[in-house]
Amino acid sequence: MKLGLPDAAFIRGKVPMTKQEIRILTLVKAQIGPRDIVCDIGAGTGSLSIEAARLAPEGHVYAIERKKEAVCLIEANRERFGLENLSVIEAEAPAGLEGLP
């Protein structure tokens, strides 16, 4: 699996996005394994969530985002990359974390 998808691969809109170089560093430091469960709080466009879901194909990623425009972008990016192990939660933290594993 190639780590660090190009920024242009993501549907972005006007929502801030974690840039490729920062995503790579964050994901390397996080050491996400194939079965891990990840929570991305304030997920924005979902670029970090998408990359995490690709690293954890047998795990699950929860993208928590309070802004409707960003939620729509995360969902569009999830579809673009065909990820079934990524759930988008429209909520504000910490309330959006309730009930998650």
PDB file of N, CA and C in Angstrom:
ATOM      1  N   MET A   1       0.834  -1.179   0.000  1.00  0.00           N
ATOM      2  CA  MET A   1       0.000   0.000   0.000  1.00  0.00           C
ATOM      3  C   MET A   1       0.882   1.246   0.000  1.00  0.00           C
ATOM      4  N   LYS A   2       0.582   2.132  -0.898  1.00  0.00           N
ATOM      5  CA  LYS A   2       1.329   3.384  -0.997  1.00  0.00           C
ATOM      6  C   LYS A   2       0.777   4.390   0.019  1.00  0.00           C
ATOM      7  N   LEU A   3       1.633   4.899   0.859  1.00  0.00           N
ATOM      8  CA  LEU A   3       1.249   5.870   1.883  1.00  0.00           C
ATOM      9  C   LEU A   3       1.441   7.279   1.346  1.00  0.00           C
ATOM     10  N   GLY A   4       0.496   8.155   1.625  1.00  0.00           N
ATOM     11  CA  GLY A   4       0.629   9.543   1.211  1.00  0.00           C
ATOM     12  C   GLY A   4       0.031   9.808  -0.156  1.00  0.00           C
ATOM     13  N   LEU A   5      -1.276   9.604  -0.267  1.00  0.00           N
ATOM     14  CA  LEU A   5      -1.967   9.912  -1.512  1.00  0.00           C
ATOM     15  C   LEU A   5      -1.740  11.379  -1.878  1.00  0.00           C
ATOM     16  N   PRO A   6      -1.684  11.698  -3.153  1.00  0.00           N
ATOM     17  CA  PRO A   6      -1.520  13.105  -3.546  1.00  0.00           C
ATOM     18  C   PRO A   6      -2.726  13.937  -3.101  1.00  0.00           C
ATOM     19  N   ASP A   7      -2.485  15.179  -2.725  1.00  0.00           N
ATOM     20  CA  ASP A   7      -3.571  16.062  -2.291  1.00  0.00           C
ATOM     21  C   ASP A   7      -4.654  16.176  -3.359  1.00  0.00           C
ATOM     22  N   ALA A   8      -4.259  16.175  -4.617  1.00  0.00           N
ATOM     23  CA  ALA A   8      -5.208  16.324  -5.724  1.00  0.00           C
ATOM     24  C   ALA A   8      -6.157  15.129  -5.856  1.00  0.00           C
ATOM     25  N   ALA A   9      -5.870  14.022  -5.174  1.00  0.00           N
ATOM     26  CA  ALA A   9      -6.728  12.837  -5.249  1.00  0.00           C
ATOM     27  C   ALA A   9      -8.025  13.018  -4.464  1.00  0.00           C
ATOM     28  N   PHE A  10      -8.056  14.009  -3.576  1.00  0.00           N
ATOM     29  CA  PHE A  10      -9.205  14.210  -2.695  1.00  0.00           C
ATOM     30  C   PHE A  10     -10.151  15.281  -3.226  1.00  0.00           C
ATOM     31  N   ILE A  11     -11.443  15.053  -3.003  1.00  0.00           N
ATOM     32  CA  ILE A  11     -12.446  16.087  -3.247  1.00  0.00           C
ATOM     33  C   ILE A  11     -12.321  17.041  -2.062  1.00  0.00           C
ATOM     34  N   ARG A  12     -12.147  18.317  -2.332  1.00  0.00           N
ATOM     35  CA  ARG A  12     -11.792  19.220  -1.248  1.00  0.00           C
ATOM     36  C   ARG A  12     -12.816  20.292  -0.933  1.00  0.00           C
ATOM     37  N   GLY A  13     -13.349  20.996  -1.895  1.00  0.00           N
ATOM     38  CA  GLY A  13     -14.240  22.110  -1.590  1.00  0.00           C
ATOM     39  C   GLY A  13     -13.479  23.206  -0.866  1.00  0.00           C
ATOM     40  N   LYS A  14     -14.156  23.869   0.068  1.00  0.00           N
ATOM     41  CA  LYS A  14     -13.532  24.971   0.818  1.00  0.00           C
ATOM     42  C   LYS A  14     -13.142  24.558   2.240  1.00  0.00           C
ATOM     43  N   VAL A  15     -13.166  23.272   2.503  1.00  0.00           N
ATOM     44  CA  VAL A  15     -12.857  22.750   3.831  1.00  0.00           C
ATOM     45  C   VAL A  15     -11.349  22.519   3.948  1.00  0.00           C
ATOM     46  N   PRO A  16     -10.746  22.898   5.087  1.00  0.00           N
ATOM     47  CA  PRO A  16      -9.306  22.663   5.260  1.00  0.00           C
ATOM     48  C   PRO A  16      -8.956  21.179   5.156  1.00  0.00           C
ATOM     49  N   MET A  17      -7.772  20.914   4.618  1.00  0.00           N
ATOM     50  CA  MET A  17      -7.319  19.540   4.448  1.00  0.00           C
ATOM     51  C   MET A  17      -5.903  19.391   4.990  1.00  0.00           C
ATOM     52  N   THR A  18      -5.650  18.277   5.667  1.00  0.00           N
ATOM     53  CA  THR A  18      -4.300  17.960   6.114  1.00  0.00           C
ATOM     54  C   THR A  18      -3.480  17.599   4.882  1.00  0.00           C
ATOM     55  N   LYS A  19      -2.404  18.316   4.667  1.00  0.00           N
ATOM     56  CA  LYS A  19      -1.581  18.132   3.470  1.00  0.00           C
ATOM     57  C   LYS A  19      -0.815  16.807   3.511  1.00  0.00           C
ATOM     58  N   GLN A  20      -0.427  16.339   2.328  1.00  0.00           N
ATOM     59  CA  GLN A  20       0.209  15.042   2.143  1.00  0.00           C
ATOM     60  C   GLN A  20       1.383  14.818   3.095  1.00  0.00           C
ATOM     61  N   GLU A  21       2.288  15.755   3.185  1.00  0.00           N
ATOM     62  CA  GLU A  21       3.489  15.580   4.022  1.00  0.00           C
ATOM     63  C   GLU A  21       3.127  15.390   5.489  1.00  0.00           C
ATOM     64  N   ILE A  22       2.141  16.146   5.970  1.00  0.00           N
ATOM     65  CA  ILE A  22       1.709  16.035   7.370  1.00  0.00           C
ATOM     66  C   ILE A  22       0.970  14.720   7.591  1.00  0.00           C
ATOM     67  N   ARG A  23       0.142  14.313   6.615  1.00  0.00           N
ATOM     68  CA  ARG A  23      -0.549  13.018   6.727  1.00  0.00           C
ATOM     69  C   ARG A  23       0.456  11.884   6.857  1.00  0.00           C
ATOM     70  N   ILE A  24       1.479  11.910   6.020  1.00  0.00           N
ATOM     71  CA  ILE A  24       2.489  10.841   6.049  1.00  0.00           C
ATOM     72  C   ILE A  24       3.145  10.769   7.427  1.00  0.00           C
ATOM     73  N   LEU A  25       3.583  11.901   7.941  1.00  0.00           N
ATOM     74  CA  LEU A  25       4.237  11.917   9.259  1.00  0.00           C
ATOM     75  C   LEU A  25       3.290  11.436  10.354  1.00  0.00           C
ATOM     76  N   THR A  26       2.057  11.907  10.319  1.00  0.00           N
ATOM     77  CA  THR A  26       1.069  11.525  11.332  1.00  0.00           C
ATOM     78  C   THR A  26       0.800  10.027  11.296  1.00  0.00           C
ATOM     79  N   LEU A  27       0.621   9.478  10.094  1.00  0.00           N
ATOM     80  CA  LEU A  27       0.313   8.063   9.965  1.00  0.00           C
ATOM     81  C   LEU A  27       1.492   7.175  10.341  1.00  0.00           C
ATOM     82  N   VAL A  28       2.694   7.592  10.010  1.00  0.00           N
ATOM     83  CA  VAL A  28       3.880   6.820  10.393  1.00  0.00           C
ATOM     84  C   VAL A  28       3.998   6.794  11.913  1.00  0.00           C
ATOM     85  N   LYS A  29       3.810   7.950  12.542  1.00  0.00           N
ATOM     86  CA  LYS A  29       3.911   8.016  14.011  1.00  0.00           C
ATOM     87  C   LYS A  29       2.785   7.218  14.687  1.00  0.00           C
ATOM     88  N   ALA A  30       1.596   7.204  14.084  1.00  0.00           N
ATOM     89  CA  ALA A  30       0.455   6.498  14.671  1.00  0.00           C
ATOM     90  C   ALA A  30       0.605   4.981  14.588  1.00  0.00           C
ATOM     91  N   GLN A  31       1.397   4.488  13.657  1.00  0.00           N
ATOM     92  CA  GLN A  31       1.635   3.052  13.479  1.00  0.00           C
ATOM     93  C   GLN A  31       0.325   2.256  13.420  1.00  0.00           C
ATOM     94  N   ILE A  32      -0.566   2.674  12.550  1.00  0.00           N
ATOM     95  CA  ILE A  32      -1.874   2.027  12.407  1.00  0.00           C
ATOM     96  C   ILE A  32      -1.700   0.649  11.782  1.00  0.00           C
ATOM     97  N   GLY A  33      -2.272  -0.341  12.464  1.00  0.00           N
ATOM     98  CA  GLY A  33      -2.196  -1.720  11.991  1.00  0.00           C
ATOM     99  C   GLY A  33      -3.456  -2.125  11.246  1.00  0.00           C
ATOM    100  N   PRO A  34      -3.426  -3.284  10.589  1.00  0.00           N
ATOM    101  CA  PRO A  34      -4.538  -3.728   9.749  1.00  0.00           C
ATOM    102  C   PRO A  34      -5.879  -3.878  10.473  1.00  0.00           C
ATOM    103  N   ARG A  35      -5.867  -4.127  11.779  1.00  0.00           N
ATOM    104  CA  ARG A  35      -7.113  -4.353  12.525  1.00  0.00           C
ATOM    105  C   ARG A  35      -7.429  -3.221  13.508  1.00  0.00           C
ATOM    106  N   ASP A  36      -6.727  -2.127  13.439  1.00  0.00           N
ATOM    107  CA  ASP A  36      -6.902  -1.037  14.401  1.00  0.00           C
ATOM    108  C   ASP A  36      -8.217  -0.283  14.217  1.00  0.00           C
ATOM    109  N   ILE A  37      -8.653   0.327  15.304  1.00  0.00           N
ATOM    110  CA  ILE A  37      -9.805   1.222  15.302  1.00  0.00           C
ATOM    111  C   ILE A  37      -9.266   2.627  15.531  1.00  0.00           C
ATOM    112  N   VAL A  38      -9.655   3.549  14.654  1.00  0.00           N
ATOM    113  CA  VAL A  38      -9.118   4.911  14.674  1.00  0.00           C
ATOM    114  C   VAL A  38     -10.268   5.907  14.738  1.00  0.00           C
ATOM    115  N   CYS A  39     -10.117   6.949  15.554  1.00  0.00           N
ATOM    116  CA  CYS A  39     -11.061   8.064  15.595  1.00  0.00           C
ATOM    117  C   CYS A  39     -10.334   9.306  15.112  1.00  0.00           C
ATOM    118  N   ASP A  40     -10.870   9.930  14.077  1.00  0.00           N
ATOM    119  CA  ASP A  40     -10.325  11.171  13.531  1.00  0.00           C
ATOM    120  C   ASP A  40     -11.287  12.286  13.918  1.00  0.00           C
ATOM    121  N   ILE A  41     -10.918  13.051  14.931  1.00  0.00           N
ATOM    122  CA  ILE A  41     -11.782  14.114  15.455  1.00  0.00           C
ATOM    123  C   ILE A  41     -11.478  15.410  14.718  1.00  0.00           C
ATOM    124  N   GLY A  42     -12.521  16.008  14.157  1.00  0.00           N
ATOM    125  CA  GLY A  42     -12.334  17.195  13.333  1.00  0.00           C
ATOM    126  C   GLY A  42     -11.758  16.782  11.989  1.00  0.00           C
ATOM    127  N   ALA A  43     -12.418  15.838  11.338  1.00  0.00           N
ATOM    128  CA  ALA A  43     -11.867  15.150  10.171  1.00  0.00           C
ATOM    129  C   ALA A  43     -11.756  16.004   8.907  1.00  0.00           C
ATOM    130  N   GLY A  44     -12.417  17.151   8.848  1.00  0.00           N
ATOM    131  CA  GLY A  44     -12.295  18.031   7.676  1.00  0.00           C
ATOM    132  C   GLY A  44     -12.744  17.340   6.399  1.00  0.00           C
ATOM    133  N   THR A  45     -11.863  17.247   5.412  1.00  0.00           N
ATOM    134  CA  THR A  45     -12.190  16.590   4.144  1.00  0.00           C
ATOM    135  C   THR A  45     -12.099  15.068   4.241  1.00  0.00           C
ATOM    136  N   GLY A  46     -11.522  14.584   5.333  1.00  0.00           N
ATOM    137  CA  GLY A  46     -11.377  13.143   5.517  1.00  0.00           C
ATOM    138  C   GLY A  46     -10.087  12.572   4.960  1.00  0.00           C
ATOM    139  N   SER A  47      -9.141  13.417   4.576  1.00  0.00           N
ATOM    140  CA  SER A  47      -7.902  12.906   3.976  1.00  0.00           C
ATOM    141  C   SER A  47      -7.154  11.976   4.929  1.00  0.00           C
ATOM    142  N   LEU A  48      -7.073  12.352   6.191  1.00  0.00           N
ATOM    143  CA  LEU A  48      -6.397  11.505   7.175  1.00  0.00           C
ATOM    144  C   LEU A  48      -7.219  10.239   7.443  1.00  0.00           C
ATOM    145  N   SER A  49      -8.532  10.388   7.514  1.00  0.00           N
ATOM    146  CA  SER A  49      -9.419   9.230   7.719  1.00  0.00           C
ATOM    147  C   SER A  49      -9.295   8.232   6.577  1.00  0.00           C
ATOM    148  N   ILE A  50      -9.239   8.735   5.350  1.00  0.00           N
ATOM    149  CA  ILE A  50      -9.114   7.874   4.168  1.00  0.00           C
ATOM    150  C   ILE A  50      -7.810   7.081   4.236  1.00  0.00           C
ATOM    151  N   GLU A  51      -6.733   7.775   4.515  1.00  0.00           N
ATOM    152  CA  GLU A  51      -5.424   7.106   4.581  1.00  0.00           C
ATOM    153  C   GLU A  51      -5.405   6.085   5.715  1.00  0.00           C
ATOM    154  N   ALA A  52      -5.993   6.433   6.868  1.00  0.00           N
ATOM    155  CA  ALA A  52      -6.041   5.505   8.003  1.00  0.00           C
ATOM    156  C   ALA A  52      -6.867   4.269   7.659  1.00  0.00           C
ATOM    157  N   ALA A  53      -7.993   4.465   6.978  1.00  0.00           N
ATOM    158  CA  ALA A  53      -8.845   3.329   6.599  1.00  0.00           C
ATOM    159  C   ALA A  53      -8.130   2.396   5.629  1.00  0.00           C
ATOM    160  N   ARG A  54      -7.312   2.953   4.772  1.00  0.00           N
ATOM    161  CA  ARG A  54      -6.529   2.116   3.850  1.00  0.00           C
ATOM    162  C   ARG A  54      -5.474   1.305   4.604  1.00  0.00           C
ATOM    163  N   LEU A  55      -4.958   1.846   5.701  1.00  0.00           N
ATOM    164  CA  LEU A  55      -3.962   1.124   6.502  1.00  0.00           C
ATOM    165  C   LEU A  55      -4.601   0.064   7.406  1.00  0.00           C
ATOM    166  N   ALA A  56      -5.892   0.219   7.690  1.00  0.00           N
ATOM    167  CA  ALA A  56      -6.591  -0.700   8.600  1.00  0.00           C
ATOM    168  C   ALA A  56      -7.769  -1.367   7.876  1.00  0.00           C
ATOM    169  N   PRO A  57      -7.507  -2.147   6.842  1.00  0.00           N
ATOM    170  CA  PRO A  57      -8.603  -2.736   6.061  1.00  0.00           C
ATOM    171  C   PRO A  57      -9.498  -3.681   6.847  1.00  0.00           C
ATOM    172  N   GLU A  58      -8.981  -4.268   7.918  1.00  0.00           N
ATOM    173  CA  GLU A  58      -9.782  -5.165   8.756  1.00  0.00           C
ATOM    174  C   GLU A  58     -10.243  -4.467  10.033  1.00  0.00           C
ATOM    175  N   GLY A  59      -9.882  -3.211  10.201  1.00  0.00           N
ATOM    176  CA  GLY A  59     -10.285  -2.405  11.350  1.00  0.00           C
ATOM    177  C   GLY A  59     -11.399  -1.461  10.944  1.00  0.00           C
ATOM    178  N   HIS A  60     -11.466  -0.329  11.635  1.00  0.00           N
ATOM    179  CA  HIS A  60     -12.501   0.656  11.313  1.00  0.00           C
ATOM    180  C   HIS A  60     -12.034   2.050  11.701  1.00  0.00           C
ATOM    181  N   VAL A  61     -12.442   3.013  10.898  1.00  0.00           N
ATOM    182  CA  VAL A  61     -12.115   4.412  11.158  1.00  0.00           C
ATOM    183  C   VAL A  61     -13.415   5.182  11.330  1.00  0.00           C
ATOM    184  N   TYR A  62     -13.466   6.019  12.367  1.00  0.00           N
ATOM    185  CA  TYR A  62     -14.604   6.884  12.628  1.00  0.00           C
ATOM    186  C   TYR A  62     -14.149   8.320  12.407  1.00  0.00           C
ATOM    187  N   ALA A  63     -14.738   8.971  11.416  1.00  0.00           N
ATOM    188  CA  ALA A  63     -14.424  10.368  11.113  1.00  0.00           C
ATOM    189  C   ALA A  63     -15.497  11.228  11.777  1.00  0.00           C
ATOM    190  N   ILE A  64     -15.098  11.983  12.775  1.00  0.00           N
ATOM    191  CA  ILE A  64     -16.043  12.808  13.517  1.00  0.00           C
ATOM    192  C   ILE A  64     -15.868  14.262  13.068  1.00  0.00           C
ATOM    193  N   GLU A  65     -16.955  14.834  12.586  1.00  0.00           N
ATOM    194  CA  GLU A  65     -16.903  16.198  12.042  1.00  0.00           C
ATOM    195  C   GLU A  65     -18.230  16.894  12.312  1.00  0.00           C
ATOM    196  N   ARG A  66     -18.181  18.148  12.726  1.00  0.00           N
ATOM    197  CA  ARG A  66     -19.406  18.873  13.075  1.00  0.00           C
ATOM    198  C   ARG A  66     -19.973  19.700  11.933  1.00  0.00           C
ATOM    199  N   LYS A  67     -19.171  20.027  10.934  1.00  0.00           N
ATOM    200  CA  LYS A  67     -19.630  20.899   9.845  1.00  0.00           C
ATOM    201  C   LYS A  67     -20.221  20.067   8.701  1.00  0.00           C
ATOM    202  N   LYS A  68     -21.448  20.408   8.310  1.00  0.00           N
ATOM    203  CA  LYS A  68     -22.180  19.650   7.292  1.00  0.00           C
ATOM    204  C   LYS A  68     -21.416  19.572   5.966  1.00  0.00           C
ATOM    205  N   GLU A  69     -20.827  20.692   5.519  1.00  0.00           N
ATOM    206  CA  GLU A  69     -20.075  20.686   4.254  1.00  0.00           C
ATOM    207  C   GLU A  69     -18.937  19.675   4.313  1.00  0.00           C
ATOM    208  N   ALA A  70     -18.236  19.640   5.435  1.00  0.00           N
ATOM    209  CA  ALA A  70     -17.123  18.707   5.600  1.00  0.00           C
ATOM    210  C   ALA A  70     -17.624  17.268   5.636  1.00  0.00           C
ATOM    211  N   VAL A  71     -18.740  17.022   6.312  1.00  0.00           N
ATOM    212  CA  VAL A  71     -19.317  15.673   6.367  1.00  0.00           C
ATOM    213  C   VAL A  71     -19.615  15.175   4.950  1.00  0.00           C
ATOM    214  N   CYS A  72     -20.184  16.038   4.130  1.00  0.00           N
ATOM    215  CA  CYS A  72     -20.490  15.664   2.735  1.00  0.00           C
ATOM    216  C   CYS A  72     -19.211  15.351   1.957  1.00  0.00           C
ATOM    217  N   LEU A  73     -18.151  16.112   2.206  1.00  0.00           N
ATOM    218  CA  LEU A  73     -16.875  15.860   1.529  1.00  0.00           C
ATOM    219  C   LEU A  73     -16.259  14.541   1.962  1.00  0.00           C
ATOM    220  N   ILE A  74     -16.333  14.242   3.259  1.00  0.00           N
ATOM    221  CA  ILE A  74     -15.787  12.970   3.754  1.00  0.00           C
ATOM    222  C   ILE A  74     -16.536  11.809   3.104  1.00  0.00           C
ATOM    223  N   GLU A  75     -17.859  11.930   3.055  1.00  0.00           N
ATOM    224  CA  GLU A  75     -18.659  10.870   2.436  1.00  0.00           C
ATOM    225  C   GLU A  75     -18.314  10.709   0.956  1.00  0.00           C
ATOM    226  N   ALA A  76     -18.121  11.826   0.259  1.00  0.00           N
ATOM    227  CA  ALA A  76     -17.751  11.766  -1.159  1.00  0.00           C
ATOM    228  C   ALA A  76     -16.376  11.133  -1.333  1.00  0.00           C
ATOM    229  N   ASN A  77     -15.436  11.479  -0.461  1.00  0.00           N
ATOM    230  CA  ASN A  77     -14.093  10.891  -0.534  1.00  0.00           C
ATOM    231  C   ASN A  77     -14.117   9.413  -0.172  1.00  0.00           C
ATOM    232  N   ARG A  78     -14.943   9.042   0.790  1.00  0.00           N
ATOM    233  CA  ARG A  78     -15.080   7.621   1.149  1.00  0.00           C
ATOM    234  C   ARG A  78     -15.560   6.822  -0.064  1.00  0.00           C
ATOM    235  N   GLU A  79     -16.547   7.364  -0.768  1.00  0.00           N
ATOM    236  CA  GLU A  79     -17.057   6.707  -1.978  1.00  0.00           C
ATOM    237  C   GLU A  79     -15.994   6.676  -3.071  1.00  0.00           C
ATOM    238  N   ARG A  80     -15.273   7.771  -3.236  1.00  0.00           N
ATOM    239  CA  ARG A  80     -14.239   7.853  -4.275  1.00  0.00           C
ATOM    240  C   ARG A  80     -13.201   6.745  -4.107  1.00  0.00           C
ATOM    241  N   PHE A  81     -12.838   6.455  -2.856  1.00  0.00           N
ATOM    242  CA  PHE A  81     -11.810   5.453  -2.592  1.00  0.00           C
ATOM    243  C   PHE A  81     -12.395   4.077  -2.265  1.00  0.00           C
ATOM    244  N   GLY A  82     -13.721   3.951  -2.276  1.00  0.00           N
ATOM    245  CA  GLY A  82     -14.380   2.658  -2.082  1.00  0.00           C
ATOM    246  C   GLY A  82     -14.113   2.028  -0.731  1.00  0.00           C
ATOM    247  N   LEU A  83     -14.183   2.826   0.330  1.00  0.00           N
ATOM    248  CA  LEU A  83     -13.870   2.321   1.674  1.00  0.00           C
ATOM    249  C   LEU A  83     -15.136   2.020   2.466  1.00  0.00           C
ATOM    250  N   GLU A  84     -15.265   0.768   2.867  1.00  0.00           N
ATOM    251  CA  GLU A  84     -16.418   0.366   3.672  1.00  0.00           C
ATOM    252  C   GLU A  84     -16.105   0.366   5.167  1.00  0.00           C
ATOM    253  N   ASN A  85     -14.839   0.533   5.513  1.00  0.00           N
ATOM    254  CA  ASN A  85     -14.438   0.516   6.928  1.00  0.00           C
ATOM    255  C   ASN A  85     -14.267   1.932   7.473  1.00  0.00           C
ATOM    256  N   LEU A  86     -15.003   2.878   6.914  1.00  0.00           N
ATOM    257  CA  LEU A  86     -14.959   4.277   7.349  1.00  0.00           C
ATOM    258  C   LEU A  86     -16.374   4.759   7.594  1.00  0.00           C
ATOM    259  N   SER A  87     -16.644   5.170   8.841  1.00  0.00           N
ATOM    260  CA  SER A  87     -17.950   5.724   9.198  1.00  0.00           C
ATOM    261  C   SER A  87     -17.795   7.206   9.469  1.00  0.00           C
ATOM    262  N   VAL A  88     -18.747   7.981   8.973  1.00  0.00           N
ATOM    263  CA  VAL A  88     -18.742   9.422   9.181  1.00  0.00           C
ATOM    264  C   VAL A  88     -19.797   9.751  10.224  1.00  0.00           C
ATOM    265  N   ILE A  89     -19.378  10.476  11.251  1.00  0.00           N
ATOM    266  CA  ILE A  89     -20.280  10.850  12.336  1.00  0.00           C
ATOM    267  C   ILE A  89     -20.372  12.369  12.367  1.00  0.00           C
ATOM    268  N   GLU A  90     -21.574  12.887  12.094  1.00  0.00           N
ATOM    269  CA  GLU A  90     -21.783  14.334  12.154  1.00  0.00           C
ATOM    270  C   GLU A  90     -22.120  14.701  13.598  1.00  0.00           C
ATOM    271  N   ALA A  91     -21.118  15.197  14.297  1.00  0.00           N
ATOM    272  CA  ALA A  91     -21.279  15.536  15.713  1.00  0.00           C
ATOM    273  C   ALA A  91     -20.090  16.363  16.167  1.00  0.00           C
ATOM    274  N   GLU A  92     -20.254  16.961  17.321  1.00  0.00           N
ATOM    275  CA  GLU A  92     -19.173  17.703  17.943  1.00  0.00           C
ATOM    276  C   GLU A  92     -18.544  16.812  19.005  1.00  0.00           C
ATOM    277  N   ALA A  93     -17.242  16.884  19.132  1.00  0.00           N
ATOM    278  CA  ALA A  93     -16.546  16.113  20.174  1.00  0.00           C
ATOM    279  C   ALA A  93     -16.694  16.868  21.499  1.00  0.00           C
ATOM    280  N   PRO A  94     -16.775  16.196  22.604  1.00  0.00           N
ATOM    281  CA  PRO A  94     -16.612  14.747  22.767  1.00  0.00           C
ATOM    282  C   PRO A  94     -17.903  13.945  22.582  1.00  0.00           C
ATOM    283  N   ALA A  95     -19.040  14.614  22.395  1.00  0.00           N
ATOM    284  CA  ALA A  95     -20.309  13.889  22.293  1.00  0.00           C
ATOM    285  C   ALA A  95     -20.296  12.863  21.166  1.00  0.00           C
ATOM    286  N   GLY A  96     -19.621  13.154  20.055  1.00  0.00           N
ATOM    287  CA  GLY A  96     -19.579  12.241  18.924  1.00  0.00           C
ATOM    288  C   GLY A  96     -18.833  10.945  19.199  1.00  0.00           C
ATOM    289  N   LEU A  97     -18.106  10.901  20.287  1.00  0.00           N
ATOM    290  CA  LEU A  97     -17.361   9.698  20.648  1.00  0.00           C
ATOM    291  C   LEU A  97     -18.182   8.698  21.447  1.00  0.00           C
ATOM    292  N   GLU A  98     -19.325   9.122  21.955  1.00  0.00           N
ATOM    293  CA  GLU A  98     -20.152   8.248  22.792  1.00  0.00           C
ATOM    294  C   GLU A  98     -20.585   7.015  22.022  1.00  0.00           C
ATOM    295  N   GLY A  99     -20.407   5.865  22.619  1.00  0.00           N
ATOM    296  CA  GLY A  99     -20.821   4.603  22.025  1.00  0.00           C
ATOM    297  C   GLY A  99     -19.827   3.986  21.054  1.00  0.00           C
ATOM    298  N   LEU A 100     -18.720   4.677  20.801  1.00  0.00           N
ATOM    299  CA  LEU A 100     -17.702   4.103  19.901  1.00  0.00           C
ATOM    300  C   LEU A 100     -16.789   3.145  20.669  1.00  0.00           C
ATOM    301  N   PRO A 101     -16.244   2.151  19.954  1.00  0.00           N
ATOM    302  CA  PRO A 101     -15.332   1.213  20.637  1.00  0.00           C
ATOM    303  C   PRO A 101     -14.046   1.885  21.084  1.00  0.00           C
TER     304      PRO A 101
END
